[in-house]
Amino acid sequence: MNNPVGWFEIYVQDMPRAVRFYQAVLQLPLEQLNFPGMAMWTFPMLPDGKGASGALVHMAGRASGGNSVMVYFSCGDCAEEAGRIEAGGGKLLQAKMAIGEYGFIALGQDPDGNSFGLHSMQ
């Protein structure tokens, strides 16, 4: 059985700003993919690895922000990534908090208004 999420997309309006933001907060390189009619930058992925990967997407007619999807990025200690959110141009919505036996989370909002989560076990 696989995890139920196989891919995610975060819609953005200003791709260069979004790429800078997520690279700064997560300290991960994003890679540009070329598709007709859209701009797409993917998060690192291992085709046979566990978990899901996804991309930042700018596509005409697809608004950013205000969505009901929450993507959680896995972290060593989510307080570290959370500490980089505001410096990257986003907004910290929830500082690191315990969620019992499931570890810790922090919540942020990117410059396009998309909310996202950070998860760690420490």
PDB file of N, CA and C in Angstrom:
ATOM      1  N   MET A   1       0.838  -1.178   0.000  1.00  0.00           N
ATOM      2  CA  MET A   1       0.000   0.000   0.000  1.00  0.00           C
ATOM      3  C   MET A   1       0.885   1.244   0.000  1.00  0.00           C
ATOM      4  N   ASN A   2       0.519   2.231  -0.787  1.00  0.00           N
ATOM      5  CA  ASN A   2       1.242   3.490  -0.846  1.00  0.00           C
ATOM      6  C   ASN A   2       0.536   4.560  -0.030  1.00  0.00           C
ATOM      7  N   ASN A   3       1.266   5.627   0.293  1.00  0.00           N
ATOM      8  CA  ASN A   3       0.626   6.770   0.923  1.00  0.00           C
ATOM      9  C   ASN A   3      -0.412   7.332  -0.040  1.00  0.00           C
ATOM     10  N   PRO A   4      -1.531   7.880   0.458  1.00  0.00           N
ATOM     11  CA  PRO A   4      -2.597   8.316  -0.423  1.00  0.00           C
ATOM     12  C   PRO A   4      -2.254   9.544  -1.273  1.00  0.00           C
ATOM     13  N   VAL A   5      -1.322  10.372  -0.845  1.00  0.00           N
ATOM     14  CA  VAL A   5      -0.960  11.548  -1.633  1.00  0.00           C
ATOM     15  C   VAL A   5       0.212  11.204  -2.534  1.00  0.00           C
ATOM     16  N   GLY A   6       0.042  11.401  -3.831  1.00  0.00           N
ATOM     17  CA  GLY A   6       1.098  11.083  -4.766  1.00  0.00           C
ATOM     18  C   GLY A   6       1.756  12.315  -5.364  1.00  0.00           C
ATOM     19  N   TRP A   7       1.115  13.483  -5.273  1.00  0.00           N
ATOM     20  CA  TRP A   7       1.645  14.698  -5.883  1.00  0.00           C
ATOM     21  C   TRP A   7       0.865  15.882  -5.325  1.00  0.00           C
ATOM     22  N   PHE A   8       1.476  17.048  -5.271  1.00  0.00           N
ATOM     23  CA  PHE A   8       0.764  18.262  -4.897  1.00  0.00           C
ATOM     24  C   PHE A   8       1.223  19.403  -5.775  1.00  0.00           C
ATOM     25  N   GLU A   9       0.349  20.383  -5.932  1.00  0.00           N
ATOM     26  CA  GLU A   9       0.697  21.608  -6.650  1.00  0.00           C
ATOM     27  C   GLU A   9       0.273  22.800  -5.817  1.00  0.00           C
ATOM     28  N   ILE A  10       1.150  23.788  -5.742  1.00  0.00           N
ATOM     29  CA  ILE A  10       0.873  25.030  -5.038  1.00  0.00           C
ATOM     30  C   ILE A  10       0.806  26.117  -6.115  1.00  0.00           C
ATOM     31  N   TYR A  11      -0.359  26.689  -6.319  1.00  0.00           N
ATOM     32  CA  TYR A  11      -0.526  27.702  -7.354  1.00  0.00           C
ATOM     33  C   TYR A  11      -0.025  29.051  -6.862  1.00  0.00           C
ATOM     34  N   VAL A  12       0.749  29.737  -7.696  1.00  0.00           N
ATOM     35  CA  VAL A  12       1.359  31.017  -7.337  1.00  0.00           C
ATOM     36  C   VAL A  12       1.156  32.006  -8.482  1.00  0.00           C
ATOM     37  N   GLN A  13       1.295  33.283  -8.176  1.00  0.00           N
ATOM     38  CA  GLN A  13       1.168  34.334  -9.183  1.00  0.00           C
ATOM     39  C   GLN A  13       2.527  34.898  -9.598  1.00  0.00           C
ATOM     40  N   ASP A  14       3.486  34.910  -8.691  1.00  0.00           N
ATOM     41  CA  ASP A  14       4.818  35.452  -8.958  1.00  0.00           C
ATOM     42  C   ASP A  14       5.824  34.323  -8.757  1.00  0.00           C
ATOM     43  N   MET A  15       6.145  33.607  -9.851  1.00  0.00           N
ATOM     44  CA  MET A  15       6.991  32.423  -9.748  1.00  0.00           C
ATOM     45  C   MET A  15       8.376  32.721  -9.190  1.00  0.00           C
ATOM     46  N   PRO A  16       9.094  33.742  -9.666  1.00  0.00           N
ATOM     47  CA  PRO A  16      10.425  33.987  -9.087  1.00  0.00           C
ATOM     48  C   PRO A  16      10.376  34.214  -7.576  1.00  0.00           C
ATOM     49  N   ARG A  17       9.377  34.971  -7.112  1.00  0.00           N
ATOM     50  CA  ARG A  17       9.225  35.216  -5.672  1.00  0.00           C
ATOM     51  C   ARG A  17       8.923  33.913  -4.937  1.00  0.00           C
ATOM     52  N   ALA A  18       8.039  33.087  -5.495  1.00  0.00           N
ATOM     53  CA  ALA A  18       7.667  31.825  -4.851  1.00  0.00           C
ATOM     54  C   ALA A  18       8.860  30.877  -4.770  1.00  0.00           C
ATOM     55  N   VAL A  19       9.634  30.781  -5.846  1.00  0.00           N
ATOM     56  CA  VAL A  19      10.822  29.917  -5.840  1.00  0.00           C
ATOM     57  C   VAL A  19      11.806  30.388  -4.779  1.00  0.00           C
ATOM     58  N   ARG A  20      12.079  31.699  -4.737  1.00  0.00           N
ATOM     59  CA  ARG A  20      12.995  32.238  -3.710  1.00  0.00           C
ATOM     60  C   ARG A  20      12.490  31.915  -2.310  1.00  0.00           C
ATOM     61  N   PHE A  21      11.191  32.099  -2.070  1.00  0.00           N
ATOM     62  CA  PHE A  21      10.603  31.873  -0.754  1.00  0.00           C
ATOM     63  C   PHE A  21      10.780  30.421  -0.308  1.00  0.00           C
ATOM     64  N   TYR A  22      10.340  29.458  -1.107  1.00  0.00           N
ATOM     65  CA  TYR A  22      10.405  28.054  -0.695  1.00  0.00           C
ATOM     66  C   TYR A  22      11.846  27.549  -0.617  1.00  0.00           C
ATOM     67  N   GLN A  23      12.714  28.007  -1.491  1.00  0.00           N
ATOM     68  CA  GLN A  23      14.130  27.619  -1.386  1.00  0.00           C
ATOM     69  C   GLN A  23      14.744  28.174  -0.108  1.00  0.00           C
ATOM     70  N   ALA A  24      14.384  29.407   0.266  1.00  0.00           N
ATOM     71  CA  ALA A  24      14.937  30.020   1.479  1.00  0.00           C
ATOM     72  C   ALA A  24      14.405  29.344   2.739  1.00  0.00           C
ATOM     73  N   VAL A  25      13.112  29.078   2.787  1.00  0.00           N
ATOM     74  CA  VAL A  25      12.514  28.487   3.986  1.00  0.00           C
ATOM     75  C   VAL A  25      12.936  27.030   4.165  1.00  0.00           C
ATOM     76  N   LEU A  26      12.847  26.234   3.094  1.00  0.00           N
ATOM     77  CA  LEU A  26      13.115  24.798   3.203  1.00  0.00           C
ATOM     78  C   LEU A  26      14.574  24.433   2.966  1.00  0.00           C
ATOM     79  N   GLN A  27      15.370  25.385   2.462  1.00  0.00           N
ATOM     80  CA  GLN A  27      16.777  25.132   2.170  1.00  0.00           C
ATOM     81  C   GLN A  27      16.930  23.949   1.210  1.00  0.00           C
ATOM     82  N   LEU A  28      16.062  23.915   0.185  1.00  0.00           N
ATOM     83  CA  LEU A  28      16.067  22.873  -0.837  1.00  0.00           C
ATOM     84  C   LEU A  28      16.092  23.525  -2.214  1.00  0.00           C
ATOM     85  N   PRO A  29      16.795  22.929  -3.170  1.00  0.00           N
ATOM     86  CA  PRO A  29      16.765  23.477  -4.527  1.00  0.00           C
ATOM     87  C   PRO A  29      15.488  23.030  -5.254  1.00  0.00           C
ATOM     88  N   LEU A  30      14.889  23.917  -6.018  1.00  0.00           N
ATOM     89  CA  LEU A  30      13.762  23.570  -6.871  1.00  0.00           C
ATOM     90  C   LEU A  30      14.262  23.509  -8.309  1.00  0.00           C
ATOM     91  N   GLU A  31      13.597  22.690  -9.117  1.00  0.00           N
ATOM     92  CA  GLU A  31      14.018  22.493 -10.502  1.00  0.00           C
ATOM     93  C   GLU A  31      12.899  22.895 -11.452  1.00  0.00           C
ATOM     94  N   GLN A  32      13.242  23.688 -12.449  1.00  0.00           N
ATOM     95  CA  GLN A  32      12.261  24.148 -13.422  1.00  0.00           C
ATOM     96  C   GLN A  32      11.928  23.044 -14.427  1.00  0.00           C
ATOM     97  N   LEU A  33      10.629  22.859 -14.679  1.00  0.00           N
ATOM     98  CA  LEU A  33      10.153  21.957 -15.725  1.00  0.00           C
ATOM     99  C   LEU A  33       9.480  22.805 -16.797  1.00  0.00           C
ATOM    100  N   ASN A  34       9.585  22.394 -18.027  1.00  0.00           N
ATOM    101  CA  ASN A  34       8.991  23.149 -19.127  1.00  0.00           C
ATOM    102  C   ASN A  34       7.761  22.439 -19.665  1.00  0.00           C
ATOM    103  N   PHE A  35       6.608  23.089 -19.486  1.00  0.00           N
ATOM    104  CA  PHE A  35       5.346  22.601 -20.015  1.00  0.00           C
ATOM    105  C   PHE A  35       4.668  23.749 -20.751  1.00  0.00           C
ATOM    106  N   PRO A  36       4.025  23.486 -21.863  1.00  0.00           N
ATOM    107  CA  PRO A  36       3.337  24.565 -22.582  1.00  0.00           C
ATOM    108  C   PRO A  36       2.211  25.157 -21.742  1.00  0.00           C
ATOM    109  N   GLY A  37       2.150  26.474 -21.703  1.00  0.00           N
ATOM    110  CA  GLY A  37       1.049  27.154 -21.033  1.00  0.00           C
ATOM    111  C   GLY A  37       1.155  27.290 -19.533  1.00  0.00           C
ATOM    112  N   MET A  38       2.255  26.854 -18.944  1.00  0.00           N
ATOM    113  CA  MET A  38       2.391  26.992 -17.492  1.00  0.00           C
ATOM    114  C   MET A  38       3.863  27.049 -17.104  1.00  0.00           C
ATOM    115  N   ALA A  39       4.105  27.658 -15.961  1.00  0.00           N
ATOM    116  CA  ALA A  39       5.438  27.642 -15.361  1.00  0.00           C
ATOM    117  C   ALA A  39       5.383  26.665 -14.201  1.00  0.00           C
ATOM    118  N   MET A  40       6.378  25.800 -14.081  1.00  0.00           N
ATOM    119  CA  MET A  40       6.381  24.798 -13.018  1.00  0.00           C
ATOM    120  C   MET A  40       7.797  24.603 -12.493  1.00  0.00           C
ATOM    121  N   TRP A  41       7.928  24.650 -11.178  1.00  0.00           N
ATOM    122  CA  TRP A  41       9.190  24.360 -10.490  1.00  0.00           C
ATOM    123  C   TRP A  41       8.911  23.268  -9.480  1.00  0.00           C
ATOM    124  N   THR A  42       9.623  22.145  -9.564  1.00  0.00           N
ATOM    125  CA  THR A  42       9.366  21.001  -8.695  1.00  0.00           C
ATOM    126  C   THR A  42      10.255  21.012  -7.460  1.00  0.00           C
ATOM    127  N   PHE A  43       9.703  20.446  -6.404  1.00  0.00           N
ATOM    128  CA  PHE A  43      10.475  20.176  -5.206  1.00  0.00           C
ATOM    129  C   PHE A  43      11.292  18.908  -5.465  1.00  0.00           C
ATOM    130  N   PRO A  44      12.397  18.713  -4.746  1.00  0.00           N
ATOM    131  CA  PRO A  44      13.203  17.504  -4.970  1.00  0.00           C
ATOM    132  C   PRO A  44      12.349  16.242  -4.810  1.00  0.00           C
ATOM    133  N   MET A  45      12.664  15.238  -5.608  1.00  0.00           N
ATOM    134  CA  MET A  45      11.892  13.996  -5.504  1.00  0.00           C
ATOM    135  C   MET A  45      12.758  12.784  -5.816  1.00  0.00           C
ATOM    136  N   LEU A  46      12.422  11.705  -5.182  1.00  0.00           N
ATOM    137  CA  LEU A  46      13.020  10.401  -5.461  1.00  0.00           C
ATOM    138  C   LEU A  46      11.892   9.532  -5.983  1.00  0.00           C
ATOM    139  N   PRO A  47      11.934   9.132  -7.249  1.00  0.00           N
ATOM    140  CA  PRO A  47      10.820   8.385  -7.833  1.00  0.00           C
ATOM    141  C   PRO A  47      10.380   7.167  -7.018  1.00  0.00           C
ATOM    142  N   ASP A  48      11.308   6.473  -6.385  1.00  0.00           N
ATOM    143  CA  ASP A  48      10.938   5.298  -5.597  1.00  0.00           C
ATOM    144  C   ASP A  48      10.957   5.572  -4.102  1.00  0.00           C
ATOM    145  N   GLY A  49      11.070   6.848  -3.702  1.00  0.00           N
ATOM    146  CA  GLY A  49      11.124   7.206  -2.284  1.00  0.00           C
ATOM    147  C   GLY A  49       9.741   7.257  -1.654  1.00  0.00           C
ATOM    148  N   LYS A  50       9.717   7.349  -0.348  1.00  0.00           N
ATOM    149  CA  LYS A  50       8.454   7.450   0.385  1.00  0.00           C
ATOM    150  C   LYS A  50       7.965   8.884   0.359  1.00  0.00           C
ATOM    151  N   GLY A  51       6.680   9.049   0.556  1.00  0.00           N
ATOM    152  CA  GLY A  51       6.103  10.383   0.605  1.00  0.00           C
ATOM    153  C   GLY A  51       5.797  10.916  -0.789  1.00  0.00           C
ATOM    154  N   ALA A  52       5.371  12.163  -0.852  1.00  0.00           N
ATOM    155  CA  ALA A  52       4.965  12.782  -2.107  1.00  0.00           C
ATOM    156  C   ALA A  52       5.833  13.992  -2.403  1.00  0.00           C
ATOM    157  N   SER A  53       5.993  14.271  -3.660  1.00  0.00           N
ATOM    158  CA  SER A  53       6.624  15.511  -4.070  1.00  0.00           C
ATOM    159  C   SER A  53       5.586  16.307  -4.839  1.00  0.00           C
ATOM    160  N   GLY A  54       5.980  17.490  -5.273  1.00  0.00           N
ATOM    161  CA  GLY A  54       5.051  18.341  -5.981  1.00  0.00           C
ATOM    162  C   GLY A  54       5.761  19.525  -6.579  1.00  0.00           C
ATOM    163  N   ALA A  55       4.987  20.545  -6.921  1.00  0.00           N
ATOM    164  CA  ALA A  55       5.550  21.674  -7.643  1.00  0.00           C
ATOM    165  C   ALA A  55       4.823  22.966  -7.338  1.00  0.00           C
ATOM    166  N   LEU A  56       5.531  24.065  -7.571  1.00  0.00           N
ATOM    167  CA  LEU A  56       4.919  25.387  -7.644  1.00  0.00           C
ATOM    168  C   LEU A  56       4.454  25.541  -9.083  1.00  0.00           C
ATOM    169  N   VAL A  57       3.241  26.061  -9.278  1.00  0.00           N
ATOM    170  CA  VAL A  57       2.684  26.167 -10.626  1.00  0.00           C
ATOM    171  C   VAL A  57       2.072  27.546 -10.829  1.00  0.00           C
ATOM    172  N   HIS A  58       2.373  28.156 -11.964  1.00  0.00           N
ATOM    173  CA  HIS A  58       1.690  29.380 -12.395  1.00  0.00           C
ATOM    174  C   HIS A  58       1.019  29.049 -13.714  1.00  0.00           C
ATOM    175  N   MET A  59      -0.331  29.169 -13.711  1.00  0.00           N
ATOM    176  CA  MET A  59      -1.097  28.835 -14.899  1.00  0.00           C
ATOM    177  C   MET A  59      -2.238  29.846 -15.011  1.00  0.00           C
ATOM    178  N   ALA A  60      -2.438  30.373 -16.188  1.00  0.00           N
ATOM    179  CA  ALA A  60      -3.524  31.328 -16.411  1.00  0.00           C
ATOM    180  C   ALA A  60      -4.850  30.743 -15.941  1.00  0.00           C
ATOM    181  N   GLY A  61      -5.598  31.541 -15.214  1.00  0.00           N
ATOM    182  CA  GLY A  61      -6.915  31.115 -14.750  1.00  0.00           C
ATOM    183  C   GLY A  61      -6.921  30.344 -13.449  1.00  0.00           C
ATOM    184  N   ARG A  62      -5.759  30.057 -12.875  1.00  0.00           N
ATOM    185  CA  ARG A  62      -5.683  29.331 -11.604  1.00  0.00           C
ATOM    186  C   ARG A  62      -5.210  30.297 -10.535  1.00  0.00           C
ATOM    187  N   ALA A  63      -6.069  30.638  -9.620  1.00  0.00           N
ATOM    188  CA  ALA A  63      -5.753  31.596  -8.557  1.00  0.00           C
ATOM    189  C   ALA A  63      -4.904  30.943  -7.468  1.00  0.00           C
ATOM    190  N   SER A  64      -4.167  31.778  -6.756  1.00  0.00           N
ATOM    191  CA  SER A  64      -3.400  31.294  -5.608  1.00  0.00           C
ATOM    192  C   SER A  64      -4.089  31.751  -4.328  1.00  0.00           C
ATOM    193  N   GLY A  65      -3.695  31.147  -3.216  1.00  0.00           N
ATOM    194  CA  GLY A  65      -4.230  31.531  -1.912  1.00  0.00           C
ATOM    195  C   GLY A  65      -5.678  31.125  -1.742  1.00  0.00           C
ATOM    196  N   GLY A  66      -6.127  31.133  -0.514  1.00  0.00           N
ATOM    197  CA  GLY A  66      -7.517  30.846  -0.218  1.00  0.00           C
ATOM    198  C   GLY A  66      -7.941  29.415  -0.511  1.00  0.00           C
ATOM    199  N   ASN A  67      -6.989  28.541  -0.760  1.00  0.00           N
ATOM    200  CA  ASN A  67      -7.355  27.159  -1.067  1.00  0.00           C
ATOM    201  C   ASN A  67      -7.559  26.364   0.217  1.00  0.00           C
ATOM    202  N   SER A  68      -8.117  25.206   0.080  1.00  0.00           N
ATOM    203  CA  SER A  68      -8.396  24.389   1.258  1.00  0.00           C
ATOM    204  C   SER A  68      -7.432  23.221   1.382  1.00  0.00           C
ATOM    205  N   VAL A  69      -6.343  23.227   0.620  1.00  0.00           N
ATOM    206  CA  VAL A  69      -5.352  22.153   0.673  1.00  0.00           C
ATOM    207  C   VAL A  69      -4.213  22.576   1.587  1.00  0.00           C
ATOM    208  N   MET A  70      -3.807  21.705   2.496  1.00  0.00           N
ATOM    209  CA  MET A  70      -2.676  21.990   3.380  1.00  0.00           C
ATOM    210  C   MET A  70      -1.592  20.972   3.084  1.00  0.00           C
ATOM    211  N   VAL A  71      -0.467  21.449   2.613  1.00  0.00           N
ATOM    212  CA  VAL A  71       0.690  20.607   2.338  1.00  0.00           C
ATOM    213  C   VAL A  71       1.617  20.708   3.538  1.00  0.00           C
ATOM    214  N   TYR A  72       2.075  19.561   4.057  1.00  0.00           N
ATOM    215  CA  TYR A  72       3.042  19.540   5.157  1.00  0.00           C
ATOM    216  C   TYR A  72       4.384  19.067   4.617  1.00  0.00           C
ATOM    217  N   PHE A  73       5.409  19.881   4.828  1.00  0.00           N
ATOM    218  CA  PHE A  73       6.771  19.513   4.457  1.00  0.00           C
ATOM    219  C   PHE A  73       7.440  18.840   5.647  1.00  0.00           C
ATOM    220  N   SER A  74       8.114  17.734   5.417  1.00  0.00           N
ATOM    221  CA  SER A  74       8.837  17.023   6.477  1.00  0.00           C
ATOM    222  C   SER A  74      10.135  17.750   6.778  1.00  0.00           C
ATOM    223  N   CYS A  75      10.463  17.859   8.063  1.00  0.00           N
ATOM    224  CA  CYS A  75      11.645  18.606   8.513  1.00  0.00           C
ATOM    225  C   CYS A  75      12.344  17.832   9.633  1.00  0.00           C
ATOM    226  N   GLY A  76      13.601  18.160   9.874  1.00  0.00           N
ATOM    227  CA  GLY A  76      14.311  17.605  11.026  1.00  0.00           C
ATOM    228  C   GLY A  76      13.779  18.208  12.322  1.00  0.00           C
ATOM    229  N   ASP A  77      13.664  19.528  12.351  1.00  0.00           N
ATOM    230  CA  ASP A  77      13.094  20.282  13.467  1.00  0.00           C
ATOM    231  C   ASP A  77      12.347  21.451  12.848  1.00  0.00           C
ATOM    232  N   CYS A  78      11.028  21.386  12.841  1.00  0.00           N
ATOM    233  CA  CYS A  78      10.229  22.376  12.115  1.00  0.00           C
ATOM    234  C   CYS A  78      10.424  23.805  12.623  1.00  0.00           C
ATOM    235  N   ALA A  79      10.976  23.979  13.807  1.00  0.00           N
ATOM    236  CA  ALA A  79      11.243  25.332  14.307  1.00  0.00           C
ATOM    237  C   ALA A  79      12.278  26.044  13.435  1.00  0.00           C
ATOM    238  N   GLU A  80      13.215  25.291  12.872  1.00  0.00           N
ATOM    239  CA  GLU A  80      14.243  25.910  12.021  1.00  0.00           C
ATOM    240  C   GLU A  80      13.622  26.509  10.766  1.00  0.00           C
ATOM    241  N   GLU A  81      12.827  25.736  10.048  1.00  0.00           N
ATOM    242  CA  GLU A  81      12.182  26.242   8.836  1.00  0.00           C
ATOM    243  C   GLU A  81      11.187  27.353   9.181  1.00  0.00           C
ATOM    244  N   ALA A  82      10.441  27.179  10.271  1.00  0.00           N
ATOM    245  CA  ALA A  82       9.482  28.206  10.690  1.00  0.00           C
ATOM    246  C   ALA A  82      10.186  29.531  10.957  1.00  0.00           C
ATOM    247  N   GLY A  83      11.402  29.468  11.471  1.00  0.00           N
ATOM    248  CA  GLY A  83      12.173  30.668  11.758  1.00  0.00           C
ATOM    249  C   GLY A  83      12.613  31.415  10.509  1.00  0.00           C
ATOM    250  N   ARG A  84      12.504  30.799   9.345  1.00  0.00           N
ATOM    251  CA  ARG A  84      12.895  31.446   8.093  1.00  0.00           C
ATOM    252  C   ARG A  84      11.716  31.969   7.283  1.00  0.00           C
ATOM    253  N   ILE A  85      10.494  31.725   7.741  1.00  0.00           N
ATOM    254  CA  ILE A  85       9.306  32.104   6.971  1.00  0.00           C
ATOM    255  C   ILE A  85       9.199  33.609   6.783  1.00  0.00           C
ATOM    256  N   GLU A  86       9.245  34.367   7.853  1.00  0.00           N
ATOM    257  CA  GLU A  86       9.053  35.815   7.736  1.00  0.00           C
ATOM    258  C   GLU A  86      10.214  36.478   7.011  1.00  0.00           C
ATOM    259  N   ALA A  87      11.424  35.997   7.231  1.00  0.00           N
ATOM    260  CA  ALA A  87      12.584  36.558   6.526  1.00  0.00           C
ATOM    261  C   ALA A  87      12.461  36.310   5.026  1.00  0.00           C
ATOM    262  N   GLY A  88      11.766  35.240   4.642  1.00  0.00           N
ATOM    263  CA  GLY A  88      11.583  34.925   3.233  1.00  0.00           C
ATOM    264  C   GLY A  88      10.427  35.679   2.587  1.00  0.00           C
ATOM    265  N   GLY A  89       9.694  36.449   3.376  1.00  0.00           N
ATOM    266  CA  GLY A  89       8.586  37.226   2.826  1.00  0.00           C
ATOM    267  C   GLY A  89       7.211  36.657   3.117  1.00  0.00           C
ATOM    268  N   GLY A  90       7.155  35.579   3.914  1.00  0.00           N
ATOM    269  CA  GLY A  90       5.874  34.977   4.264  1.00  0.00           C
ATOM    270  C   GLY A  90       5.397  35.416   5.638  1.00  0.00           C
ATOM    271  N   LYS A  91       4.429  34.697   6.167  1.00  0.00           N
ATOM    272  CA  LYS A  91       3.847  35.014   7.468  1.00  0.00           C
ATOM    273  C   LYS A  91       3.795  33.739   8.304  1.00  0.00           C
ATOM    274  N   LEU A  92       4.295  33.804   9.527  1.00  0.00           N
ATOM    275  CA  LEU A  92       4.217  32.670  10.447  1.00  0.00           C
ATOM    276  C   LEU A  92       2.824  32.661  11.056  1.00  0.00           C
ATOM    277  N   LEU A  93       2.076  31.593  10.822  1.00  0.00           N
ATOM    278  CA  LEU A  93       0.711  31.480  11.343  1.00  0.00           C
ATOM    279  C   LEU A  93       0.667  30.765  12.685  1.00  0.00           C
ATOM    280  N   GLN A  94       1.553  29.802  12.881  1.00  0.00           N
ATOM    281  CA  GLN A  94       1.595  29.033  14.119  1.00  0.00           C
ATOM    282  C   GLN A  94       3.025  28.593  14.357  1.00  0.00           C
ATOM    283  N   ALA A  95       3.614  29.044  15.458  1.00  0.00           N
ATOM    284  CA  ALA A  95       4.961  28.602  15.814  1.00  0.00           C
ATOM    285  C   ALA A  95       4.925  27.111  16.145  1.00  0.00           C
ATOM    286  N   LYS A  96       6.079  26.505  16.236  1.00  0.00           N
ATOM    287  CA  LYS A  96       6.188  25.083  16.533  1.00  0.00           C
ATOM    288  C   LYS A  96       5.331  24.719  17.750  1.00  0.00           C
ATOM    289  N   MET A  97       4.528  23.673  17.569  1.00  0.00           N
ATOM    290  CA  MET A  97       3.676  23.193  18.666  1.00  0.00           C
ATOM    291  C   MET A  97       3.637  21.671  18.638  1.00  0.00           C
ATOM    292  N   ALA A  98       3.500  21.090  19.803  1.00  0.00           N
ATOM    293  CA  ALA A  98       3.450  19.631  19.931  1.00  0.00           C
ATOM    294  C   ALA A  98       2.093  19.104  19.480  1.00  0.00           C
ATOM    295  N   ILE A  99       2.121  17.936  18.819  1.00  0.00           N
ATOM    296  CA  ILE A  99       0.883  17.243  18.446  1.00  0.00           C
ATOM    297  C   ILE A  99       0.920  15.814  18.996  1.00  0.00           C
ATOM    298  N   GLY A 100       1.393  15.723  20.227  1.00  0.00           N
ATOM    299  CA  GLY A 100       1.430  14.439  20.914  1.00  0.00           C
ATOM    300  C   GLY A 100       2.430  13.469  20.318  1.00  0.00           C
ATOM    301  N   GLU A 101       2.041  12.221  20.230  1.00  0.00           N
ATOM    302  CA  GLU A 101       2.941  11.183  19.742  1.00  0.00           C
ATOM    303  C   GLU A 101       3.313  11.357  18.273  1.00  0.00           C
ATOM    304  N   TYR A 102       2.649  12.285  17.581  1.00  0.00           N
ATOM    305  CA  TYR A 102       2.902  12.497  16.158  1.00  0.00           C
ATOM    306  C   TYR A 102       3.945  13.575  15.890  1.00  0.00           C
ATOM    307  N   GLY A 103       4.543  14.119  16.940  1.00  0.00           N
ATOM    308  CA  GLY A 103       5.620  15.070  16.769  1.00  0.00           C
ATOM    309  C   GLY A 103       5.203  16.509  16.944  1.00  0.00           C
ATOM    310  N   PHE A 104       5.637  17.351  15.985  1.00  0.00           N
ATOM    311  CA  PHE A 104       5.441  18.791  16.080  1.00  0.00           C
ATOM    312  C   PHE A 104       5.085  19.357  14.711  1.00  0.00           C
ATOM    313  N   ILE A 105       4.343  20.462  14.735  1.00  0.00           N
ATOM    314  CA  ILE A 105       4.045  21.169  13.494  1.00  0.00           C
ATOM    315  C   ILE A 105       4.231  22.671  13.693  1.00  0.00           C
ATOM    316  N   ALA A 106       4.400  23.365  12.589  1.00  0.00           N
ATOM    317  CA  ALA A 106       4.352  24.819  12.526  1.00  0.00           C
ATOM    318  C   ALA A 106       3.604  25.137  11.234  1.00  0.00           C
ATOM    319  N   LEU A 107       2.931  26.284  11.205  1.00  0.00           N
ATOM    320  CA  LEU A 107       2.159  26.668  10.028  1.00  0.00           C
ATOM    321  C   LEU A 107       2.625  28.020   9.508  1.00  0.00           C
ATOM    322  N   GLY A 108       2.664  28.140   8.184  1.00  0.00           N
ATOM    323  CA  GLY A 108       3.065  29.389   7.568  1.00  0.00           C
ATOM    324  C   GLY A 108       2.192  29.719   6.383  1.00  0.00           C
ATOM    325  N   GLN A 109       2.399  30.931   5.877  1.00  0.00           N
ATOM    326  CA  GLN A 109       1.710  31.376   4.677  1.00  0.00           C
ATOM    327  C   GLN A 109       2.759  31.962   3.743  1.00  0.00           C
ATOM    328  N   ASP A 110       2.735  31.536   2.480  1.00  0.00           N
ATOM    329  CA  ASP A 110       3.718  32.054   1.523  1.00  0.00           C
ATOM    330  C   ASP A 110       3.269  33.413   0.993  1.00  0.00           C
ATOM    331  N   PRO A 111       4.113  34.107   0.236  1.00  0.00           N
ATOM    332  CA  PRO A 111       3.749  35.430  -0.257  1.00  0.00           C
ATOM    333  C   PRO A 111       2.539  35.458  -1.194  1.00  0.00           C
ATOM    334  N   ASP A 112       2.126  34.312  -1.736  1.00  0.00           N
ATOM    335  CA  ASP A 112       0.936  34.246  -2.581  1.00  0.00           C
ATOM    336  C   ASP A 112      -0.333  33.959  -1.791  1.00  0.00           C
ATOM    337  N   GLY A 113      -0.219  33.825  -0.471  1.00  0.00           N
ATOM    338  CA  GLY A 113      -1.391  33.571   0.360  1.00  0.00           C
ATOM    339  C   GLY A 113      -1.707  32.112   0.575  1.00  0.00           C
ATOM    340  N   ASN A 114      -0.833  31.196   0.129  1.00  0.00           N
ATOM    341  CA  ASN A 114      -1.037  29.765   0.341  1.00  0.00           C
ATOM    342  C   ASN A 114      -0.547  29.376   1.724  1.00  0.00           C
ATOM    343  N   SER A 115      -1.382  28.693   2.486  1.00  0.00           N
ATOM    344  CA  SER A 115      -0.965  28.172   3.777  1.00  0.00           C
ATOM    345  C   SER A 115      -0.270  26.837   3.575  1.00  0.00           C
ATOM    346  N   PHE A 116       0.718  26.545   4.421  1.00  0.00           N
ATOM    347  CA  PHE A 116       1.427  25.274   4.361  1.00  0.00           C
ATOM    348  C   PHE A 116       1.865  24.913   5.764  1.00  0.00           C
ATOM    349  N   GLY A 117       2.161  23.621   5.961  1.00  0.00           N
ATOM    350  CA  GLY A 117       2.595  23.138   7.251  1.00  0.00           C
ATOM    351  C   GLY A 117       3.999  22.597   7.201  1.00  0.00           C
ATOM    352  N   LEU A 118       4.627  22.576   8.365  1.00  0.00           N
ATOM    353  CA  LEU A 118       5.948  21.972   8.551  1.00  0.00           C
ATOM    354  C   LEU A 118       5.774  20.921   9.624  1.00  0.00           C
ATOM    355  N   HIS A 119       6.335  19.726   9.433  1.00  0.00           N
ATOM    356  CA  HIS A 119       6.187  18.646  10.408  1.00  0.00           C
ATOM    357  C   HIS A 119       7.544  18.055  10.740  1.00  0.00           C
ATOM    358  N   SER A 120       7.756  17.767  12.017  1.00  0.00           N
ATOM    359  CA  SER A 120       8.973  17.073  12.452  1.00  0.00           C
ATOM    360  C   SER A 120       8.637  16.221  13.670  1.00  0.00           C
ATOM    361  N   MET A 121       9.511  15.259  13.937  1.00  0.00           N
ATOM    362  CA  MET A 121       9.337  14.412  15.117  1.00  0.00           C
ATOM    363  C   MET A 121      10.092  14.953  16.316  1.00  0.00           C
ATOM    364  N   GLN A 122      10.913  15.963  16.122  1.00  0.00           N
ATOM    365  CA  GLN A 122      11.603  16.565  17.283  1.00  0.00           C
ATOM    366  C   GLN A 122      11.281  18.024  17.383  1.00  0.00           C
TER     367      GLN A 122
END
